[in-house]
Protein backbone atom coordinates (compact mmCIF):
# COMPACT_ATOMS: atom_id res chain seq x y z
CA MET A 1 153.29 121.17 76.69
CA VAL A 2 150.03 119.75 76.86
CA THR A 3 151.57 116.97 79.32
CA LEU A 4 152.61 120.15 81.85
CA ALA A 5 149.19 121.39 81.41
CA VAL A 6 147.41 118.29 82.51
CA ILE A 7 149.88 117.00 85.18
CA PRO A 8 148.81 119.41 88.05
CA GLY A 9 145.16 118.31 87.79
CA ILE A 10 145.44 114.53 87.56
CA VAL A 11 148.02 115.03 90.70
CA LEU A 12 145.61 116.96 92.49
CA LEU A 13 142.69 114.75 91.76
CA ILE A 14 144.46 111.82 93.23
CA TYR A 15 145.67 113.84 96.12
CA ILE A 16 142.09 114.50 97.15
CA TRP A 17 140.86 110.99 96.39
CA LYS A 18 143.37 109.32 98.74
CA LYS A 19 142.20 112.06 101.11
CA ASP A 20 138.91 110.37 100.99
CA SER A 21 139.57 108.04 103.55
CA VAL A 22 136.67 106.71 105.00
CA GLU A 23 134.73 105.16 101.63
CA ARG A 24 136.80 106.08 98.64
CA GLU A 25 134.41 107.40 95.64
CA PRO A 26 134.29 105.16 92.37
CA MET A 27 137.03 106.62 90.12
CA GLN A 28 134.46 105.95 87.44
CA LEU A 29 132.55 108.65 88.46
CA LEU A 30 135.08 110.73 89.26
CA LEU A 31 136.57 110.75 85.93
CA LYS A 32 133.14 111.47 84.52
CA LEU A 33 132.66 114.49 86.77
CA PHE A 34 136.13 115.38 85.64
CA MET A 35 134.79 115.30 81.94
CA TRP A 36 131.68 117.27 82.60
CA GLY A 37 133.72 119.72 84.85
CA ALA A 38 135.62 120.39 81.60
CA ALA A 39 132.70 120.62 79.41
CA THR A 40 131.98 123.72 81.12
CA VAL A 41 135.18 125.56 79.77
CA VAL A 42 133.10 126.09 76.41
CA SER A 43 129.73 127.67 78.17
CA ALA A 44 132.35 129.67 80.34
CA PHE A 45 134.10 131.02 77.06
CA ILE A 46 130.42 131.80 75.29
CA LEU A 47 128.91 133.83 78.43
CA GLU A 48 132.01 135.62 79.52
CA ASN A 49 132.64 136.88 76.06
CA ILE A 50 128.83 138.25 75.97
CA GLY A 51 129.88 139.83 79.44
CA PHE A 52 133.04 141.31 78.04
CA PHE A 53 131.26 143.15 75.08
CA LEU A 54 128.39 144.58 77.37
CA LEU A 55 130.91 145.58 79.79
CA GLY A 56 132.99 147.57 77.20
CA LEU A 57 129.49 149.49 76.01
CA VAL A 58 129.47 151.13 79.58
CA PHE A 59 133.18 151.03 81.19
CA SER A 60 136.59 151.97 79.31
CA GLU A 61 138.80 148.96 80.01
CA THR A 62 140.89 151.00 82.67
CA SER A 63 138.32 151.24 84.68
CA ILE A 64 138.42 149.77 88.30
CA VAL A 65 134.73 149.22 88.19
CA ARG A 66 134.82 147.42 85.29
CA ILE A 67 137.69 145.26 86.67
CA ALA A 68 135.53 144.44 89.87
CA ILE A 69 132.48 143.73 87.72
CA GLU A 70 134.42 141.48 85.11
CA ASN A 71 136.22 139.22 87.79
CA PHE A 72 133.59 138.93 90.35
CA LEU A 73 130.36 139.08 88.27
CA ILE A 74 131.31 137.53 85.06
CA VAL A 75 134.30 135.13 85.12
CA ALA A 76 134.22 134.13 88.69
CA LEU A 77 130.18 133.87 88.66
CA VAL A 78 130.12 131.74 85.48
CA GLU A 79 133.03 129.41 86.01
CA GLU A 80 131.96 128.64 89.36
CA GLY A 81 128.40 128.64 88.54
CA GLY A 82 128.82 126.36 86.16
CA LYS A 83 130.72 123.87 88.24
CA TYR A 84 127.73 124.71 90.74
CA LEU A 85 125.28 123.28 88.16
CA VAL A 86 127.14 120.09 87.31
CA PHE A 87 127.36 119.04 90.52
CA LYS A 88 123.76 119.58 91.23
CA TRP A 89 123.05 117.77 87.85
CA LYS A 90 125.43 114.81 88.28
CA ALA A 91 126.31 114.36 91.87
CA TRP A 92 123.68 115.92 94.50
CA ASN A 93 121.13 112.75 93.92
CA ASN A 94 123.92 110.42 92.94
CA ARG A 95 123.78 107.20 95.27
CA GLU A 96 127.59 107.06 95.87
CA PHE A 97 126.93 110.66 97.80
CA ASP A 98 126.60 108.92 101.13
CA HIS A 99 129.23 110.74 103.20
CA THR A 100 130.07 114.19 103.96
CA PHE A 101 133.45 114.58 102.53
CA ASP A 102 132.00 113.34 99.23
CA ALA A 103 130.87 116.67 98.47
CA ILE A 104 134.70 117.98 98.39
CA VAL A 105 135.83 115.09 96.53
CA TYR A 106 133.25 115.92 93.69
CA CYS A 107 133.23 119.46 93.37
CA VAL A 108 137.18 118.88 93.19
CA ALA A 109 136.74 116.59 90.31
CA ILE A 110 134.61 118.76 88.60
CA SER A 111 136.79 121.88 88.72
CA LEU A 112 140.02 120.06 88.17
CA GLY A 113 138.16 118.94 84.67
CA PHE A 114 137.80 122.67 84.07
CA ALA A 115 141.14 123.64 85.16
CA THR A 116 143.09 121.12 83.11
CA LEU A 117 141.11 122.18 79.77
CA GLU A 118 141.74 126.10 80.35
CA ASN A 119 145.46 125.16 80.93
CA ILE A 120 145.58 123.29 77.99
CA GLY A 121 144.16 126.28 75.97
CA TYR A 122 146.40 129.00 77.88
CA LEU A 123 149.80 127.08 77.50
CA ILE A 124 149.69 126.21 73.84
CA GLY A 125 152.59 127.79 72.38
CA GLU A 126 153.96 129.30 75.84
CA THR A 127 156.90 128.29 77.68
CA VAL A 128 157.53 126.19 80.69
CA GLY A 129 157.87 128.98 83.02
CA LEU A 130 154.29 129.68 82.25
CA ALA A 131 153.44 126.27 82.71
CA VAL A 132 155.27 125.91 86.13
CA LEU A 133 153.49 129.10 87.53
CA ARG A 134 150.12 128.00 86.52
CA GLY A 135 150.91 124.50 87.81
CA LEU A 136 151.51 126.05 91.36
CA PHE A 137 148.51 128.90 91.31
CA ALA A 138 145.94 128.83 88.76
CA VAL A 139 145.14 125.05 88.93
CA PRO A 140 145.45 124.63 92.65
CA GLY A 141 143.55 127.72 92.72
CA HIS A 142 140.62 126.26 91.26
CA MET A 143 140.85 123.24 93.55
CA ILE A 144 140.67 125.47 96.55
CA ASP A 145 137.47 127.28 95.19
CA ALA A 146 135.93 123.94 94.71
CA ILE A 147 136.98 122.69 98.38
CA PHE A 148 134.84 125.41 99.88
CA MET A 149 132.10 124.74 97.42
CA GLY A 150 131.76 121.13 98.42
CA TYR A 151 132.45 121.87 102.20
CA TYR A 152 129.18 123.99 102.31
CA LEU A 153 127.58 121.54 99.66
CA GLY A 154 127.90 118.26 101.91
CA ILE A 155 126.56 120.46 104.91
CA ALA A 156 123.71 121.05 102.67
CA LYS A 157 123.41 117.51 101.94
CA TYR A 158 123.03 116.75 105.65
CA TYR A 159 120.38 119.33 106.43
CA SER A 160 118.48 117.87 103.14
CA VAL A 161 118.61 114.25 104.62
CA TYR A 162 117.16 115.59 107.70
CA GLY A 163 114.67 117.90 106.21
CA ASN A 164 116.16 121.52 107.46
CA GLN A 165 114.99 123.11 104.07
CA LYS A 166 116.42 126.52 105.68
CA GLU A 167 119.55 125.23 106.88
CA MET A 168 120.17 123.60 103.37
CA LYS A 169 119.22 126.69 101.27
CA SER A 170 121.19 128.98 103.47
CA ASN A 171 124.72 126.52 102.70
CA MET A 172 123.66 125.88 99.02
CA THR A 173 123.75 129.69 99.03
CA LYS A 174 127.42 129.47 100.63
CA GLY A 175 128.17 126.87 98.35
CA LEU A 176 127.96 128.95 95.37
CA TRP A 177 129.09 132.51 96.60
CA VAL A 178 131.92 131.93 98.81
CA PRO A 179 133.79 130.07 96.19
CA VAL A 180 132.74 133.32 93.15
CA LEU A 181 134.16 135.47 95.71
CA LEU A 182 137.33 134.10 96.50
CA HIS A 183 137.65 133.29 92.75
CA GLY A 184 137.02 136.72 91.65
CA PHE A 185 139.10 138.52 94.41
CA TYR A 186 142.06 136.01 92.60
CA ASP A 187 141.32 137.47 89.17
CA PHE A 188 141.06 140.94 90.50
CA CYS A 189 144.44 141.24 92.41
CA LEU A 190 146.07 140.07 89.22
CA SER A 191 143.91 141.93 86.85
CA THR A 192 144.57 145.67 88.52
CA GLY A 193 148.21 145.57 87.17
CA SER A 194 149.16 147.17 90.65
CA ASP A 195 152.26 145.97 92.62
CA LEU A 196 150.32 146.12 96.01
CA PHE A 197 147.54 143.86 94.75
CA LEU A 198 150.28 141.61 93.82
CA ILE A 199 151.64 141.38 96.97
CA ILE A 200 148.22 141.12 98.66
CA PHE A 201 147.65 138.20 96.32
CA PHE A 202 150.57 136.21 97.27
CA VAL A 203 150.22 137.01 100.99
CA PHE A 204 146.42 135.86 100.56
CA GLU A 205 146.99 132.90 98.58
CA ILE A 206 150.03 131.13 100.57
CA GLY A 207 147.79 131.75 103.74
CA LEU A 208 144.63 130.44 101.98
CA THR A 209 146.60 127.21 101.02
CA ILE A 210 147.81 126.69 104.23
CA TYR A 211 144.18 126.85 105.77
CA THR A 212 143.05 124.80 103.39
CA ILE A 213 145.49 122.08 103.63
CA ASN A 214 144.94 121.78 107.29
CA ARG A 215 141.16 121.92 106.67
CA ILE A 216 141.29 119.13 104.48
CA ASN A 217 142.87 117.21 107.09
CA TYR A 218 140.52 117.88 109.58
CA LEU A 219 137.64 116.76 107.69
CA SER A 220 138.95 114.10 105.87
CA LYS A 221 139.29 112.66 109.66
CA ARG A 222 135.59 113.19 110.75
CA ASP A 223 134.11 112.07 107.27
CA THR A 224 130.91 110.45 108.66
CA PRO A 225 127.65 108.78 106.87
CA LEU A 226 124.99 111.82 105.70
CA TYR A 227 122.33 108.91 107.26
CA GLY A 228 123.41 108.99 110.67
CA PHE A 229 124.79 111.62 113.08
CA SER A 230 128.15 113.45 111.42
CA ASN A 231 130.60 115.25 113.44
CA TYR A 232 131.75 116.79 110.40
CA TRP A 233 131.71 120.52 111.47
CA TYR A 234 131.58 119.94 115.12
CA ASN A 235 134.01 119.22 117.43
CA THR A 236 132.33 117.32 119.90
CA PRO A 237 129.70 114.35 119.80
CA PRO A 238 126.14 114.66 120.67
CA VAL A 239 124.94 113.87 124.34
CA GLN A 240 123.63 110.68 124.31
CA PRO A 241 120.30 110.44 126.27
CA PRO A 242 120.22 108.91 129.51
CA VAL A 243 119.47 104.88 129.15
CA ASN A 244 117.51 102.62 131.78
CA ASN A 245 119.88 99.99 132.21
CA VAL A 246 117.98 98.07 135.15
CA PRO A 247 116.14 95.22 133.80
CA ASN A 248 112.58 94.53 134.87
CA THR A 249 112.19 98.12 135.75
CA PRO A 250 108.32 99.35 135.40
CA VAL A 251 108.14 102.85 133.59
CA ASN A 252 105.28 104.75 134.63
CA ASN A 253 104.17 106.76 131.74
CA TYR A 254 101.09 108.15 133.56
CA PRO A 255 101.88 110.67 136.55
CA ASN A 256 99.98 110.26 140.09
CA THR A 257 98.90 106.78 138.77
CA PRO A 258 100.34 103.82 140.85
CA VAL A 259 102.28 101.05 139.31
CA ASN A 260 100.98 97.48 140.20
CA ASN A 261 104.20 95.61 139.80
CA TYR A 262 102.65 92.20 141.16
CA PRO A 263 99.87 90.23 138.94
CA ASN A 264 96.15 89.73 140.12
CA THR A 265 96.81 91.95 143.23
CA PRO A 266 94.00 94.45 143.40
CA VAL A 267 95.44 98.39 143.58
CA ASN A 268 93.63 100.57 146.05
CA ASN A 269 93.58 103.77 144.68
CA TYR A 270 91.64 105.75 147.13
CA PRO A 271 93.68 106.30 150.48
CA ASN A 272 92.19 105.02 153.85
CA THR A 273 89.84 103.01 152.17
CA PRO A 274 90.34 99.36 152.78
CA VAL A 275 90.43 96.65 150.26
CA ASN A 276 88.23 93.48 150.73
CA ASN A 277 89.76 90.40 148.98
CA PHE A 278 86.94 87.95 150.58
CA PRO A 279 83.21 87.14 149.49
CA PRO A 280 80.88 88.47 152.63
CA GLN A 281 80.38 86.14 155.83
CA ASP A 282 78.08 85.89 158.41
CA ASN A 283 78.92 86.28 162.04
CA ASN A 284 79.50 82.65 162.18
CA GLY A 285 81.91 82.63 159.25
CA ASN A 286 79.43 81.55 156.74
CA HIS A 287 79.64 82.74 153.43
CA LEU A 288 76.68 84.90 152.35
């Protein structure tokens, strides 16, 4: 059963690694991030149980408000927040982080580390059927959340490199809260016990999976260096400023100032005023 629990995470990690077509990341770095992601299972277990205990003091177990808070603000926020912090700590300033798509690869590695260890815990003593269901939904669900996180953190890194702090902070915020909302909605639909929400869950997950696969293919083909113009999230390249291709053509940087193209030739800056290039002479042609 442990083998069945590990296989989905390994397969998906190799998949996203191969999608990094411009400059693939060192597998040693990805395995390190994978292990750090797995380590966040411990912190998530502790913090989530504290949150569950506190919620139980205020709400009944069947309260829809409790279910919403539990899934969005405890489970999703704690788990995605842990992955986010690992990325900031271990990947944000790593010298290998030099392409826009790298952020997606790093976040997926971290998230799959978490998902794999979590999957082992869920599947001990369980059936093969449950292993298949979790391999089709739970583990890929963590990966999808990570792709959205990496997408926004890649944009944030780009703006950070070029000193746009406002856009960097905006995308850092999205890099945390978009995965939290996706993760929370996933868990909320499954926690309500409602047939309606179960139908919504399947429709939403199938649609989101198709969209994410298309988005990964799109972004992979447009992966460019962070330290140069990136068309990562634009469809058209920038407009190149006009270039003067005529050699030896003077450029006049001062308006209303004549340009003298011939050396040793005086420039007459005053209209209707003759320029005398010869020493003064008398009426007989003798120099004075």
